[in-house]
Amino acid sequence: MKNQPCWKDLNAQSSQKVIEELSDAFQSWFDLRHKFDEANPPGYRKHGNTRPRSTVTFKEDGFKHDPENDRVRLSKGSNLKKHFSDFLLCEYQTRPDVDLSEVNSVQNVRAVWNGDEWELHFVCDVELESADTAGDGIAGIDLGITNIATVAFPDEYVLYPGNSLKEDKHYFTRAEYDTEGESGPSEQSMWARRKLSKRETHYYHTLTDAIIAECVERGVGTLAVSWPEDVRASDWGKTGNKKLHSWAFDRIYQYLEYKGEMRGVEVLKENEWNTSKTCSRCGDDTKSNRVERGLYVCSSCELVANADCNGAENMRQKITPSPHGEDRSNGCVAQPSTYLFDRESGTFHTREQVVS
């Protein structure tokens, strides 16, 4: 790699990091190909003599940060040197709510090509102030693919469908395949990938912000999140593997965890085993109770419920002292509130507000 003209001036640590990330990307692709034939290979491919712009990471010894003047010096050698030809001096501008002089330390700097220009991403060590507990209430979340999140609050059930996310995936994936080049991804294809990635990130941040805000408003201090142990280790067939690959349950949990810590909500990871077929009222775990997608009918106590709400209630009851001692009526579990993602405002609102 160091023999290539486009890489020879890069310091050794950054060169090694580029190779490691490329190796991880191809290994992930090889593993995925065993279950999903249409998996996209990594975007790093030459187009004639033109190479794609790879993300370059500068570790602690490869940069010098000057937060007072909003500048960072990126090394082109193994150490920071005195001559101007041996480093890149970059001036940056952050968002109004970000001040890098207030962070504990900058751990590394990443130069990322966004399709139009280079961006500098600073990975920082930040000390978060944990807020006082939001309350004594307990809620449970059932994470899914159709309904991205279903939350069982002490007084209400709330669905967060993934309709808009599914529409984005369909549109931008179609745009990516339609513009795929013969020798690798075209510029239009790469644009579609980046656009979808940004929309997904915004959606998941907005979703987790909304859930944590609801917890604080309702006095919920503990949130139990369903965790599908080893779900990706099994073979669910071509269609099933494709859906599971794009299911971002781990990402949602990470967002909930750190956002909850900042707002006084303790987020716990709980195994979801049997929660989909166990009755949240009486504990009957007959498999046939799960009548069909979205419908749960208990053969013992005759509870009729939305299946995802039943699963979320079971997650909530993993934390409550007396799981089956409360009266959860059919109407409460069967007719939850629905919050939809509003594209115009970029936030979640009730179904009635979005439709109107």
Protein backbone atom coordinates (compact mmCIF):
# COMPACT_ATOMS: atom_id res chain seq x y z
CA MET A 1 0.00 0.00 0.00
CA LYS A 2 2.84 2.41 0.83
CA ASN A 3 4.21 1.86 -2.70
CA GLN A 4 1.12 3.44 -4.26
CA PRO A 5 1.54 7.17 -5.07
CA CYS A 6 -1.85 8.02 -3.53
CA TRP A 7 -0.96 6.41 -0.18
CA LYS A 8 2.80 6.76 0.22
CA ASP A 9 2.58 10.01 2.24
CA LEU A 10 0.15 8.56 4.77
CA ASN A 11 1.52 7.79 8.22
CA ALA A 12 1.89 4.11 9.14
CA GLN A 13 -0.95 3.96 11.73
CA SER A 14 -3.44 5.50 9.32
CA SER A 15 -2.39 3.12 6.53
CA GLN A 16 -2.86 0.15 8.84
CA LYS A 17 -6.30 1.37 9.90
CA VAL A 18 -7.44 1.70 6.26
CA ILE A 19 -6.36 -1.91 5.61
CA GLU A 20 -8.06 -3.16 8.79
CA GLU A 21 -11.37 -1.49 7.92
CA LEU A 22 -11.22 -2.81 4.36
CA SER A 23 -10.48 -6.32 5.65
CA ASP A 24 -13.39 -6.15 8.10
CA ALA A 25 -15.72 -4.93 5.35
CA PHE A 26 -14.83 -7.80 3.01
CA GLN A 27 -14.98 -10.39 5.81
CA SER A 28 -18.46 -9.15 6.75
CA TRP A 29 -19.49 -9.39 3.09
CA PHE A 30 -18.11 -12.95 2.74
CA ASP A 31 -19.99 -14.04 5.89
CA LEU A 32 -23.22 -12.44 4.67
CA ARG A 33 -22.97 -14.03 1.22
CA HIS A 34 -23.50 -17.45 2.80
CA LYS A 35 -27.03 -16.40 3.73
CA PHE A 36 -27.88 -13.63 1.27
CA ASP A 37 -26.70 -13.93 -2.36
CA GLU A 38 -27.57 -10.33 -3.22
CA ALA A 39 -25.41 -8.79 -0.49
CA ASN A 40 -23.53 -5.74 -1.74
CA PRO A 41 -19.72 -5.90 -1.71
CA PRO A 42 -17.73 -3.08 -0.11
CA GLY A 43 -17.64 0.10 -2.19
CA TYR A 44 -13.84 0.09 -2.49
CA ARG A 45 -13.23 -0.67 -6.17
CA LYS A 46 -11.00 0.99 -8.72
CA HIS A 47 -12.55 2.64 -11.79
CA GLY A 48 -9.67 2.50 -14.26
CA ASN A 49 -6.88 4.49 -12.61
CA THR A 50 -9.30 6.25 -10.26
CA ARG A 51 -9.59 4.98 -6.70
CA PRO A 52 -12.53 5.74 -4.39
CA ARG A 53 -11.81 8.08 -1.51
CA SER A 54 -11.38 5.90 1.58
CA THR A 55 -12.02 7.05 5.12
CA VAL A 56 -8.68 7.78 6.79
CA THR A 57 -8.31 7.54 10.57
CA PHE A 58 -5.63 9.50 12.43
CA LYS A 59 -4.91 8.06 15.86
CA GLU A 60 -3.54 9.93 18.87
CA ASP A 61 0.04 10.12 17.59
CA GLY A 62 -1.10 11.20 14.13
CA PHE A 63 -2.72 14.56 14.88
CA LYS A 64 -2.39 17.65 17.05
CA HIS A 65 -5.57 19.45 18.05
CA ASP A 66 -5.80 23.23 18.61
CA PRO A 67 -9.37 23.78 19.95
CA GLU A 68 -8.82 27.48 20.69
CA ASN A 69 -8.31 28.25 16.99
CA ASP A 70 -10.54 25.45 15.59
CA ARG A 71 -7.62 23.78 13.83
CA VAL A 72 -6.17 20.29 13.66
CA ARG A 73 -2.83 19.19 12.25
CA LEU A 74 -2.87 15.78 10.51
CA SER A 75 0.42 13.95 10.24
CA LYS A 76 1.75 12.59 6.94
CA GLY A 77 4.56 10.71 8.66
CA SER A 78 5.05 8.42 11.64
CA ASN A 79 5.41 11.43 13.98
CA LEU A 80 4.37 15.05 14.00
CA LYS A 81 7.11 17.02 12.29
CA LYS A 82 8.16 20.62 11.96
CA HIS A 83 8.06 21.07 8.20
CA PHE A 84 4.84 22.15 6.48
CA SER A 85 5.23 19.44 3.84
CA ASP A 86 4.96 16.76 6.53
CA PHE A 87 1.44 17.51 7.75
CA LEU A 88 -1.96 18.89 6.71
CA LEU A 89 -3.26 21.90 8.61
CA CYS A 90 -7.07 21.90 8.62
CA GLU A 91 -9.48 24.52 9.91
CA TYR A 92 -12.91 23.22 10.89
CA GLN A 93 -16.32 24.55 11.82
CA THR A 94 -18.63 22.66 14.19
CA ARG A 95 -22.34 22.96 14.89
CA PRO A 96 -23.35 25.76 17.28
CA ASP A 97 -24.11 23.22 20.04
CA VAL A 98 -20.67 21.56 19.81
CA ASP A 99 -17.55 22.94 21.50
CA LEU A 100 -14.51 20.66 21.21
CA SER A 101 -12.64 22.69 23.85
CA GLU A 102 -15.04 21.28 26.47
CA VAL A 103 -14.44 17.57 25.80
CA ASN A 104 -12.06 15.53 27.94
CA SER A 105 -9.95 14.50 24.94
CA VAL A 106 -10.09 13.84 21.21
CA GLN A 107 -9.25 10.17 20.74
CA ASN A 108 -8.92 10.13 16.96
CA VAL A 109 -9.81 12.12 13.85
CA ARG A 110 -11.44 10.59 10.76
CA ALA A 111 -11.32 12.19 7.31
CA VAL A 112 -14.52 11.09 5.54
CA TRP A 113 -15.55 11.75 1.94
CA ASN A 114 -19.33 12.40 1.90
CA GLY A 115 -19.65 12.32 -1.89
CA ASP A 116 -19.16 16.04 -2.41
CA GLU A 117 -16.43 17.12 0.00
CA TRP A 118 -14.22 15.94 2.85
CA GLU A 119 -15.53 16.01 6.41
CA LEU A 120 -13.56 15.70 9.65
CA HIS A 121 -15.15 13.46 12.27
CA PHE A 122 -13.76 13.87 15.79
CA VAL A 123 -14.12 10.87 18.12
CA CYS A 124 -14.15 12.36 21.61
CA ASP A 125 -14.11 11.20 25.20
CA VAL A 126 -17.02 13.01 26.84
CA GLU A 127 -18.13 12.74 30.45
CA LEU A 128 -21.91 12.57 30.62
CA GLU A 129 -23.69 13.90 33.67
CA SER A 130 -26.18 11.30 34.83
CA ALA A 131 -29.51 12.85 35.72
CA ASP A 132 -31.58 11.90 38.75
CA THR A 133 -33.97 9.04 38.13
CA ALA A 134 -36.98 10.03 36.07
CA GLY A 135 -39.32 8.11 38.40
CA ASP A 136 -40.29 4.75 39.85
CA GLY A 137 -42.26 3.58 36.81
CA ILE A 138 -41.20 0.62 34.70
CA ALA A 139 -41.70 0.17 30.95
CA GLY A 140 -40.84 -2.58 28.49
CA ILE A 141 -39.94 -2.47 24.79
CA ASP A 142 -40.45 -5.16 22.18
CA LEU A 143 -38.18 -4.46 19.18
CA GLY A 144 -39.31 -5.73 15.80
CA ILE A 145 -39.07 -5.35 12.03
CA THR A 146 -42.62 -4.27 11.11
CA ASN A 147 -43.24 -2.32 14.30
CA ILE A 148 -39.74 -1.03 15.02
CA ALA A 149 -40.58 -0.54 18.70
CA THR A 150 -43.61 -1.31 20.86
CA VAL A 151 -43.54 0.21 24.33
CA ALA A 152 -45.54 -0.99 27.33
CA PHE A 153 -45.83 1.96 29.71
CA PRO A 154 -47.54 1.50 33.10
CA ASP A 155 -50.69 3.20 31.77
CA GLU A 156 -50.58 2.77 27.98
CA TYR A 157 -49.16 0.84 25.02
CA VAL A 158 -47.55 2.70 22.13
CA LEU A 159 -46.61 1.38 18.67
CA TYR A 160 -43.87 2.92 16.51
CA PRO A 161 -44.36 1.39 13.02
CA GLY A 162 -41.47 1.37 10.56
CA ASN A 163 -43.51 2.35 7.48
CA SER A 164 -41.43 5.37 6.48
CA LEU A 165 -38.18 3.48 7.05
CA LYS A 166 -39.40 0.63 4.87
CA GLU A 167 -40.39 3.08 2.11
CA ASP A 168 -36.94 4.70 2.20
CA LYS A 169 -35.20 1.31 1.99
CA HIS A 170 -37.34 0.28 -0.97
CA TYR A 171 -36.80 3.54 -2.87
CA PHE A 172 -33.07 3.99 -2.32
CA THR A 173 -32.23 0.29 -2.70
CA ARG A 174 -34.09 0.31 -6.02
CA ALA A 175 -32.20 3.47 -7.05
CA GLU A 176 -28.92 1.78 -6.10
CA TYR A 177 -29.57 -1.38 -8.15
CA ASP A 178 -30.89 0.56 -11.16
CA THR A 179 -27.70 2.64 -11.36
CA GLU A 180 -25.17 -0.11 -10.58
CA GLY A 181 -22.17 0.15 -12.91
CA GLU A 182 -20.61 -2.77 -14.78
CA SER A 183 -17.30 -2.40 -12.96
CA GLY A 184 -18.72 -1.50 -9.54
CA PRO A 185 -21.04 1.02 -7.88
CA SER A 186 -21.67 4.20 -9.89
CA GLU A 187 -21.70 7.70 -8.37
CA GLN A 188 -25.52 7.61 -8.37
CA SER A 189 -25.47 4.21 -6.67
CA MET A 190 -23.09 5.42 -3.96
CA TRP A 191 -25.26 8.51 -3.47
CA ALA A 192 -28.29 6.26 -2.86
CA ARG A 193 -26.38 4.28 -0.22
CA ARG A 194 -25.25 7.43 1.60
CA LYS A 195 -28.71 9.00 1.46
CA LEU A 196 -30.36 5.90 2.91
CA SER A 197 -27.74 5.65 5.65
CA LYS A 198 -28.32 9.26 6.70
CA ARG A 199 -32.10 8.81 6.74
CA GLU A 200 -31.83 5.65 8.83
CA THR A 201 -29.56 7.38 11.33
CA HIS A 202 -31.97 10.31 11.64
CA TYR A 203 -34.93 7.95 12.06
CA TYR A 204 -33.31 5.90 14.84
CA HIS A 205 -32.14 9.00 16.72
CA THR A 206 -35.61 10.54 16.47
CA LEU A 207 -37.26 7.29 17.57
CA THR A 208 -35.07 6.83 20.64
CA ASP A 209 -35.38 10.52 21.56
CA ALA A 210 -39.17 10.18 21.45
CA ILE A 211 -39.19 7.02 23.59
CA ILE A 212 -36.90 8.44 26.28
CA ALA A 213 -38.90 11.71 26.33
CA GLU A 214 -42.10 9.70 26.86
CA CYS A 215 -40.44 7.80 29.71
CA VAL A 216 -39.43 11.02 31.45
CA GLU A 217 -42.88 12.56 30.98
CA ARG A 218 -44.57 9.44 32.41
CA GLY A 219 -42.19 9.05 35.35
CA VAL A 220 -40.56 5.87 34.02
CA GLY A 221 -37.11 5.35 35.52
CA THR A 222 -36.44 1.80 34.26
CA LEU A 223 -36.79 0.58 30.68
CA ALA A 224 -36.44 -3.13 29.80
CA VAL A 225 -35.44 -3.67 26.15
CA SER A 226 -35.91 -7.00 24.37
CA TRP A 227 -32.66 -8.57 23.19
CA PRO A 228 -32.78 -11.40 20.61
CA GLU A 229 -29.89 -13.63 21.67
CA ASP A 230 -27.96 -15.16 18.75
CA VAL A 231 -30.79 -14.44 16.30
CA ARG A 232 -28.36 -13.73 13.46
CA ALA A 233 -26.47 -16.97 14.04
CA SER A 234 -29.38 -19.03 12.67
CA ASP A 235 -30.33 -19.52 9.04
CA TRP A 236 -33.83 -18.09 8.43
CA GLY A 237 -33.85 -18.55 4.67
CA LYS A 238 -33.01 -15.98 1.98
CA THR A 239 -35.82 -13.53 2.79
CA GLY A 240 -35.50 -13.93 6.54
CA ASN A 241 -31.72 -13.45 6.52
CA LYS A 242 -32.11 -10.30 4.44
CA LYS A 243 -34.57 -8.80 6.95
CA LEU A 244 -32.48 -9.76 9.97
CA HIS A 245 -29.35 -8.27 8.42
CA SER A 246 -31.04 -4.87 8.18
CA TRP A 247 -32.67 -5.11 11.64
CA ALA A 248 -30.89 -2.51 13.77
CA PHE A 249 -31.92 -3.76 17.24
CA ASP A 250 -28.39 -3.38 18.60
CA ARG A 251 -28.17 0.18 17.31
CA ILE A 252 -31.51 1.12 18.87
CA TYR A 253 -30.40 -0.30 22.21
CA GLN A 254 -27.15 1.70 22.15
CA TYR A 255 -29.01 4.92 21.41
CA LEU A 256 -31.57 4.24 24.15
CA GLU A 257 -28.84 3.42 26.67
CA TYR A 258 -26.85 6.64 26.41
CA LYS A 259 -29.87 8.90 25.92
CA GLY A 260 -31.53 7.28 28.94
CA GLU A 261 -28.44 7.83 31.09
CA MET A 262 -28.57 11.54 30.30
CA ARG A 263 -32.28 11.78 31.21
CA GLY A 264 -32.40 9.57 34.30
CA VAL A 265 -33.80 6.41 32.66
CA GLU A 266 -31.98 3.13 33.34
CA VAL A 267 -32.04 1.00 30.18
CA LEU A 268 -31.70 -2.76 30.73
CA LYS A 269 -31.04 -5.46 28.15
CA GLU A 270 -33.34 -8.47 28.72
CA ASN A 271 -33.49 -11.77 26.82
CA GLU A 272 -36.74 -11.91 24.84
CA TRP A 273 -36.95 -15.72 24.85
CA ASN A 274 -40.60 -16.89 24.91
CA THR A 275 -42.00 -13.37 25.33
CA SER A 276 -43.83 -13.55 22.00
CA LYS A 277 -45.83 -16.69 22.88
CA THR A 278 -46.33 -16.19 26.65
CA CYS A 279 -49.55 -14.59 27.86
CA SER A 280 -48.82 -11.36 29.73
CA ARG A 281 -51.92 -11.84 31.92
CA CYS A 282 -51.75 -15.48 33.07
CA GLY A 283 -48.37 -16.76 31.90
CA ASP A 284 -49.69 -19.47 29.55
CA ASP A 285 -46.97 -20.19 26.95
CA THR A 286 -48.94 -22.33 24.49
CA LYS A 287 -47.38 -21.79 21.07
CA SER A 288 -50.77 -21.68 19.28
CA ASN A 289 -51.72 -18.56 21.28
CA ARG A 290 -49.86 -16.56 18.66
CA VAL A 291 -52.71 -16.88 16.15
CA GLU A 292 -51.18 -14.82 13.34
CA ARG A 293 -48.97 -11.82 12.73
CA GLY A 294 -50.15 -9.06 15.05
CA LEU A 295 -52.78 -11.10 16.94
CA TYR A 296 -52.43 -12.93 20.26
CA VAL A 297 -55.32 -14.91 21.78
CA CYS A 298 -54.71 -16.77 25.05
CA SER A 299 -56.36 -20.20 25.21
CA SER A 300 -56.41 -20.12 29.03
CA CYS A 301 -57.60 -16.67 30.12
CA GLU A 302 -59.01 -15.57 26.72
CA LEU A 303 -56.89 -12.42 26.58
CA VAL A 304 -57.08 -10.85 23.09
CA ALA A 305 -54.11 -8.59 22.43
CA ASN A 306 -51.87 -7.03 19.86
CA ALA A 307 -48.99 -9.53 19.72
CA ASP A 308 -46.27 -6.88 19.94
CA CYS A 309 -48.00 -5.23 22.92
CA ASN A 310 -48.18 -8.60 24.63
CA GLY A 311 -44.44 -9.06 24.05
CA ALA A 312 -43.65 -5.56 25.34
CA GLU A 313 -45.74 -6.21 28.46
CA ASN A 314 -43.79 -9.40 29.10
CA MET A 315 -40.58 -7.38 28.86
CA ARG A 316 -41.97 -4.89 31.40
CA GLN A 317 -42.93 -7.73 33.72
CA LYS A 318 -39.37 -9.06 33.73
CA ILE A 319 -38.59 -6.11 36.03
CA THR A 320 -41.83 -5.76 38.01
CA PRO A 321 -41.99 -7.72 41.31
CA SER A 322 -45.40 -9.37 40.66
CA PRO A 323 -45.63 -10.13 36.93
CA HIS A 324 -49.15 -11.47 36.66
CA GLY A 325 -50.78 -9.66 39.55
CA GLU A 326 -52.02 -6.63 37.62
CA ASP A 327 -55.20 -6.36 35.59
CA ARG A 328 -54.31 -5.50 31.98
CA SER A 329 -57.64 -5.31 30.13
CA ASN A 330 -58.25 -6.55 26.60
CA GLY A 331 -58.94 -3.04 25.35
CA CYS A 332 -55.65 -1.66 26.66
CA VAL A 333 -53.53 -4.39 25.09
CA ALA A 334 -55.57 -4.84 21.92
CA GLN A 335 -55.87 -1.16 20.89
CA PRO A 336 -52.58 0.64 21.50
CA SER A 337 -51.76 4.21 20.52
CA THR A 338 -49.80 4.57 17.28
CA TYR A 339 -47.07 7.14 16.69
CA LEU A 340 -46.02 7.67 13.08
CA PHE A 341 -42.91 9.35 11.68
CA ASP A 342 -43.84 12.69 10.07
CA ARG A 343 -41.50 13.43 7.15
CA GLU A 344 -42.26 17.17 7.12
CA SER A 345 -41.25 17.80 10.72
CA GLY A 346 -38.86 14.84 11.03
CA THR A 347 -40.50 13.81 14.34
CA PHE A 348 -43.03 11.30 15.67
CA HIS A 349 -46.68 12.24 16.19
CA THR A 350 -49.91 10.39 16.83
CA ARG A 351 -51.60 8.85 13.81
CA GLU A 352 -54.34 11.51 13.92
CA GLN A 353 -51.84 14.40 13.86
CA VAL A 354 -49.85 12.96 10.93
CA VAL A 355 -52.93 12.15 8.84
CA SER A 356 -54.51 15.58 9.41
